[in-house]
Amino acid sequence: MFKDLEGDHTMGLTARIRTRDGWAVSHAVVTVTDMTGTQMLRAEADAEGTVRDATALAPGAYTVIVTAVGYAPAASSAIVTASGRAEIGTVTLARKGGTELPPPGPWTVDPVHSSVAAVAQHLGISSVRGRFTEFAGRIEIAPDEVEKSRVEAVIRAASIDTGNGMRDDHLRSADFLDIERHPEISYRSTGLTAAGSDRWTVHGELDMHGVLRPVDLDLAYLGTGSDPWGGTRAAFRATAELRREDFAMNYNQVVQAGIAAIGTSLRVELDIQAVQGESLPQA
């Protein structure tokens, strides 16, 4: 868990606090106690997850405890040499619940590498899949409590595409999306709760067809990595179930024996890539 911080010969305490993915844990607290349990030093990491404290410690064995909001505490022993330098190095913290998250701060949804889709039942025997091709979104990962993270998105309603021009025109009409009066669909989160070791429920409000209703998203975080353009990307997948009548879209056509042409519920499927930062990189 603790590794030497090679090449750093500063007197006192020096450490780096990181997640399992290697991201800095800002404002973690490092406490050093001697073998009697007496606190000898307490230092806070900076925004880069680095701890530097020039307090000289007497040579000997010490216990080091690292804590941070949202992470399980880490404890280990450390030996202070005759130079007065604590051999602490890199400390890896695991998130409570065992799931890592992207580093905190703003993330911008990349629509080119993302998908906003919906699936509806057709004629009671098959499904019709559609997608929106024009949308934008922003994610804000909270630095201390993931429950305080936020997401918001806007979709251009006219960008609906099911692969059939006549059907798309009907979906844009007053029978469904009514794009002339309601050109945008928007979503804004109101909270976030853990739903498992690798899942969360995003609570929010969906504004569609002039109706604002609460909608929960089942969210999974798929990982973070570097992209070919020098940026950092995070991937998410989310799903939700919507009822058309909840958004005043009551049109339906019964074709035979009570079977509706279009189902009354929709399954929304979101596959999202977000780039770290306030905006997307220039092409």
Protein backbone atom coordinates (compact mmCIF):
# COMPACT_ATOMS: atom_id res chain seq x y z
CA MET A 1 0.00 0.00 0.00
CA PHE A 2 2.85 2.38 0.88
CA LYS A 3 5.77 2.80 -1.52
CA ASP A 4 8.94 4.84 -1.18
CA LEU A 5 8.85 8.32 -2.66
CA GLU A 6 12.11 7.92 -4.54
CA GLY A 7 14.40 10.88 -4.91
CA ASP A 8 12.71 13.02 -2.21
CA HIS A 9 15.00 13.69 0.76
CA THR A 10 12.94 16.39 2.51
CA MET A 11 13.10 16.31 6.30
CA GLY A 12 9.80 15.38 7.92
CA LEU A 13 6.79 13.88 6.20
CA THR A 14 6.35 13.53 2.46
CA ALA A 15 3.59 11.48 0.84
CA ARG A 16 1.35 11.17 -2.18
CA ILE A 17 -2.29 10.16 -1.71
CA ARG A 18 -3.87 8.38 -4.67
CA THR A 19 -6.89 6.30 -5.65
CA ARG A 20 -6.45 2.78 -7.02
CA ASP A 21 -6.65 4.30 -10.51
CA GLY A 22 -3.83 6.69 -9.70
CA TRP A 23 -5.88 9.88 -9.27
CA ALA A 24 -4.96 12.40 -6.59
CA VAL A 25 -7.08 12.48 -3.41
CA SER A 26 -7.11 16.14 -2.49
CA HIS A 27 -7.23 17.27 1.15
CA ALA A 28 -6.68 13.82 2.64
CA VAL A 29 -5.39 13.94 6.21
CA VAL A 30 -2.25 12.09 7.34
CA THR A 31 -1.80 11.46 11.07
CA VAL A 32 1.44 10.07 12.51
CA THR A 33 1.54 8.55 16.02
CA ASP A 34 4.39 7.00 17.98
CA MET A 35 4.26 3.53 19.50
CA THR A 36 2.44 4.86 22.61
CA GLY A 37 -0.35 6.24 20.45
CA THR A 38 0.68 9.87 20.94
CA GLN A 39 0.01 12.04 17.91
CA MET A 40 3.29 13.45 16.61
CA LEU A 41 2.19 15.04 13.36
CA ARG A 42 -0.96 15.86 11.41
CA ALA A 43 -0.82 17.19 7.84
CA GLU A 44 -3.31 17.78 5.02
CA ALA A 45 -2.75 16.97 1.36
CA ASP A 46 -2.95 19.75 -1.20
CA ALA A 47 -5.14 19.82 -4.31
CA GLU A 48 -2.64 17.50 -6.05
CA GLY A 49 -2.85 14.92 -3.27
CA THR A 50 0.65 15.72 -2.02
CA VAL A 51 1.61 16.03 1.65
CA ARG A 52 4.76 17.89 2.66
CA ASP A 53 5.47 18.71 6.30
CA ALA A 54 8.89 19.83 7.53
CA THR A 55 8.33 18.74 11.14
CA ALA A 56 11.33 16.65 12.19
CA LEU A 57 10.54 13.31 13.79
CA ALA A 58 12.86 11.39 16.07
CA PRO A 59 14.23 8.17 14.56
CA GLY A 60 12.05 5.16 15.26
CA ALA A 61 8.85 3.33 14.36
CA TYR A 62 5.57 5.14 13.86
CA THR A 63 1.99 4.41 12.82
CA VAL A 64 0.62 6.34 9.84
CA ILE A 65 -3.13 6.73 9.33
CA VAL A 66 -4.56 8.35 6.18
CA THR A 67 -8.20 9.43 6.01
CA ALA A 68 -10.34 11.22 3.42
CA VAL A 69 -14.06 11.79 3.09
CA GLY A 70 -15.62 9.07 0.95
CA TYR A 71 -12.64 6.69 1.30
CA ALA A 72 -11.81 3.83 3.64
CA PRO A 73 -8.97 4.81 6.02
CA ALA A 74 -5.54 3.29 5.44
CA ALA A 75 -3.04 2.49 8.20
CA SER A 76 0.51 1.20 8.13
CA SER A 77 3.81 1.43 9.98
CA ALA A 78 6.66 3.69 8.95
CA ILE A 79 10.29 3.98 9.97
CA VAL A 80 11.88 7.40 10.46
CA THR A 81 15.60 7.34 9.72
CA ALA A 82 18.35 9.32 11.39
CA SER A 83 17.78 12.06 8.80
CA GLY A 84 14.35 12.74 10.35
CA ARG A 85 12.58 11.76 7.14
CA ALA A 86 9.45 9.61 7.30
CA GLU A 87 9.52 6.81 4.71
CA ILE A 88 5.86 7.01 3.65
CA GLY A 89 5.73 7.33 -0.14
CA THR A 90 2.52 6.71 -2.10
CA VAL A 91 -0.63 5.82 -0.16
CA THR A 92 -3.47 4.18 -2.07
CA LEU A 93 -6.99 4.75 -0.76
CA ALA A 94 -10.01 2.68 -1.73
CA ARG A 95 -13.41 4.29 -2.02
CA LYS A 96 -15.99 3.20 0.51
CA GLY A 97 -18.00 0.45 -1.17
CA GLY A 98 -14.95 -0.52 -3.23
CA THR A 99 -15.83 1.43 -6.37
CA GLU A 100 -13.53 4.00 -7.92
CA LEU A 101 -14.84 7.11 -9.62
CA PRO A 102 -13.42 9.63 -12.08
CA PRO A 103 -11.38 12.45 -10.55
CA PRO A 104 -13.52 15.34 -9.28
CA GLY A 105 -14.39 18.38 -11.32
CA PRO A 106 -16.24 19.14 -14.56
CA TRP A 107 -16.65 16.65 -17.41
CA THR A 108 -18.17 17.43 -20.82
CA VAL A 109 -20.23 14.86 -22.71
CA ASP A 110 -18.78 14.01 -26.13
CA PRO A 111 -21.81 13.51 -28.43
CA VAL A 112 -19.68 12.01 -31.21
CA HIS A 113 -18.75 9.07 -28.98
CA SER A 114 -22.01 8.87 -27.03
CA SER A 115 -25.48 7.53 -27.73
CA VAL A 116 -28.94 8.60 -26.50
CA ALA A 117 -31.42 5.91 -27.54
CA ALA A 118 -34.93 4.73 -26.75
CA VAL A 119 -36.69 1.44 -27.43
CA ALA A 120 -40.47 1.03 -27.79
CA GLN A 121 -42.59 -2.02 -28.41
CA HIS A 122 -44.14 -2.21 -31.87
CA LEU A 123 -47.34 -4.14 -32.63
CA GLY A 124 -46.85 -6.13 -29.45
CA ILE A 125 -44.34 -8.45 -31.09
CA SER A 126 -41.12 -6.52 -31.74
CA SER A 127 -39.23 -3.39 -30.81
CA VAL A 128 -38.44 -0.15 -32.58
CA ARG A 129 -35.20 1.58 -31.65
CA GLY A 130 -34.61 5.30 -32.08
CA ARG A 131 -31.88 7.72 -31.13
CA PHE A 132 -31.31 11.43 -30.78
CA THR A 133 -28.35 12.65 -32.78
CA GLU A 134 -27.97 16.16 -31.31
CA PHE A 135 -27.42 16.62 -27.58
CA ALA A 136 -25.05 18.14 -25.05
CA GLY A 137 -24.34 17.43 -21.40
CA ARG A 138 -22.15 18.21 -18.44
CA ILE A 139 -21.16 16.16 -15.38
CA GLU A 140 -19.71 17.58 -12.17
CA ILE A 141 -18.01 15.00 -9.94
CA ALA A 142 -18.06 16.20 -6.33
CA PRO A 143 -14.62 16.19 -4.64
CA ASP A 144 -15.63 14.70 -1.28
CA GLU A 145 -19.08 13.10 -1.45
CA VAL A 146 -20.11 11.42 -4.68
CA GLU A 147 -23.76 11.90 -3.66
CA LYS A 148 -23.29 15.62 -4.32
CA SER A 149 -22.23 15.08 -7.95
CA ARG A 150 -24.44 16.64 -10.64
CA VAL A 151 -25.42 16.02 -14.24
CA GLU A 152 -27.41 18.02 -16.76
CA ALA A 153 -28.20 17.45 -20.42
CA VAL A 154 -30.16 19.01 -23.28
CA ILE A 155 -31.43 17.11 -26.34
CA ARG A 156 -32.71 18.64 -29.60
CA ALA A 157 -36.08 16.93 -30.04
CA ALA A 158 -36.07 17.26 -33.83
CA SER A 159 -32.95 15.08 -34.04
CA ILE A 160 -34.95 11.90 -33.44
CA ASP A 161 -33.91 9.17 -35.89
CA THR A 162 -35.52 5.73 -36.10
CA GLY A 163 -34.32 4.94 -39.62
CA ASN A 164 -37.74 5.66 -41.18
CA GLY A 165 -38.46 9.20 -42.41
CA MET A 166 -42.27 8.93 -42.26
CA ARG A 167 -42.17 7.58 -38.71
CA ASP A 168 -39.67 10.26 -37.64
CA ASP A 169 -41.93 13.02 -39.01
CA HIS A 170 -44.84 11.58 -37.02
CA LEU A 171 -42.74 11.46 -33.85
CA ARG A 172 -41.84 15.14 -34.35
CA SER A 173 -45.52 16.08 -34.73
CA ALA A 174 -47.98 17.24 -32.07
CA ASP A 175 -49.00 13.59 -31.53
CA PHE A 176 -45.66 12.95 -29.82
CA LEU A 177 -42.70 15.31 -29.27
CA ASP A 178 -44.40 18.39 -30.77
CA ILE A 179 -41.06 19.95 -31.68
CA GLU A 180 -42.59 23.25 -32.80
CA ARG A 181 -43.72 24.04 -29.25
CA HIS A 182 -41.14 21.97 -27.35
CA PRO A 183 -37.86 21.98 -29.29
CA GLU A 184 -35.73 20.75 -26.38
CA ILE A 185 -35.74 17.86 -23.93
CA SER A 186 -33.72 18.51 -20.78
CA TYR A 187 -32.62 16.58 -17.72
CA ARG A 188 -31.15 17.91 -14.48
CA SER A 189 -30.11 15.73 -11.56
CA THR A 190 -31.26 16.41 -8.00
CA GLY A 191 -29.28 13.75 -6.14
CA LEU A 192 -27.34 10.50 -6.28
CA THR A 193 -27.49 7.37 -4.12
CA ALA A 194 -25.46 4.16 -4.17
CA ALA A 195 -27.34 1.14 -5.54
CA GLY A 196 -24.58 -1.46 -5.25
CA SER A 197 -20.84 -1.87 -5.35
CA ASP A 198 -20.63 -0.54 -8.91
CA ARG A 199 -23.99 1.14 -9.50
CA TRP A 200 -25.77 4.35 -8.57
CA THR A 201 -29.25 5.78 -8.91
CA VAL A 202 -29.33 9.30 -10.32
CA HIS A 203 -32.41 11.20 -9.17
CA GLY A 204 -33.47 14.03 -11.44
CA GLU A 205 -36.14 15.85 -13.37
CA LEU A 206 -36.93 15.31 -17.05
CA ASP A 207 -38.57 18.15 -18.99
CA MET A 208 -40.17 16.71 -22.13
CA HIS A 209 -43.19 17.76 -24.19
CA GLY A 210 -43.81 20.62 -21.77
CA VAL A 211 -44.08 18.31 -18.75
CA LEU A 212 -41.57 18.22 -15.89
CA ARG A 213 -41.45 14.92 -14.00
CA PRO A 214 -39.01 13.12 -11.68
CA VAL A 215 -37.04 10.39 -13.46
CA ASP A 216 -34.39 8.10 -11.98
CA LEU A 217 -31.48 6.74 -14.00
CA ASP A 218 -29.78 3.42 -13.21
CA LEU A 219 -26.13 4.36 -13.67
CA ALA A 220 -22.96 2.28 -14.04
CA TYR A 221 -19.46 3.77 -14.26
CA LEU A 222 -17.39 1.82 -16.79
CA GLY A 223 -13.95 3.31 -16.26
CA THR A 224 -11.54 6.11 -17.10
CA GLY A 225 -8.63 6.33 -19.49
CA SER A 226 -6.53 8.50 -21.77
CA ASP A 227 -7.64 9.28 -25.32
CA PRO A 228 -5.51 9.78 -28.47
CA TRP A 229 -5.97 13.57 -28.28
CA GLY A 230 -4.23 14.02 -24.93
CA GLY A 231 -7.41 14.13 -22.85
CA THR A 232 -8.93 11.94 -20.16
CA ARG A 233 -12.27 10.21 -20.75
CA ALA A 234 -14.79 8.54 -18.49
CA ALA A 235 -17.48 6.13 -19.68
CA PHE A 236 -20.95 5.64 -18.22
CA ARG A 237 -24.03 3.60 -19.07
CA ALA A 238 -27.49 4.52 -17.80
CA THR A 239 -31.02 3.26 -18.35
CA ALA A 240 -34.51 4.43 -17.40
CA GLU A 241 -38.13 3.44 -18.00
CA LEU A 242 -40.59 6.12 -19.12
CA ARG A 243 -44.33 6.07 -19.68
CA ARG A 244 -45.54 8.20 -22.58
CA GLU A 245 -48.72 9.19 -20.77
CA ASP A 246 -46.64 10.74 -17.96
CA PHE A 247 -45.47 13.29 -20.52
CA ALA A 248 -48.87 13.92 -22.13
CA MET A 249 -48.10 11.83 -25.22
CA ASN A 250 -51.30 9.80 -25.33
CA TYR A 251 -51.60 9.17 -29.06
CA ASN A 252 -52.06 5.57 -30.06
CA GLN A 253 -53.49 3.53 -32.86
CA VAL A 254 -55.08 0.17 -32.19
CA VAL A 255 -54.52 -2.05 -35.19
CA GLN A 256 -56.33 -5.23 -34.20
CA ALA A 257 -57.70 -7.12 -31.21
CA GLY A 258 -56.69 -4.33 -28.84
CA ILE A 259 -53.03 -4.40 -29.86
CA ALA A 260 -51.47 -0.92 -29.92
CA ALA A 261 -49.19 0.06 -32.77
CA ILE A 262 -46.74 1.67 -30.33
CA GLY A 263 -46.15 0.58 -26.74
CA THR A 264 -47.04 2.87 -23.85
CA SER A 265 -43.59 2.63 -22.24
CA LEU A 266 -40.10 3.46 -23.44
CA ARG A 267 -36.75 2.11 -22.35
CA VAL A 268 -34.09 4.80 -22.46
CA GLU A 269 -30.49 3.66 -22.97
CA LEU A 270 -27.58 6.07 -22.57
CA ASP A 271 -23.98 5.22 -23.47
CA ILE A 272 -21.89 8.22 -22.54
CA GLN A 273 -18.28 9.26 -22.94
CA ALA A 274 -17.29 12.43 -21.12
CA VAL A 275 -14.04 14.37 -21.47
CA GLN A 276 -12.43 15.89 -18.40
CA GLY A 277 -12.74 19.68 -18.43
CA GLU A 278 -15.20 22.49 -19.09
CA SER A 279 -15.28 21.94 -22.85
CA LEU A 280 -14.44 19.46 -25.58
CA PRO A 281 -11.02 19.69 -27.26
CA GLN A 282 -10.87 21.46 -30.58
CA ALA A 283 -10.87 19.14 -33.57
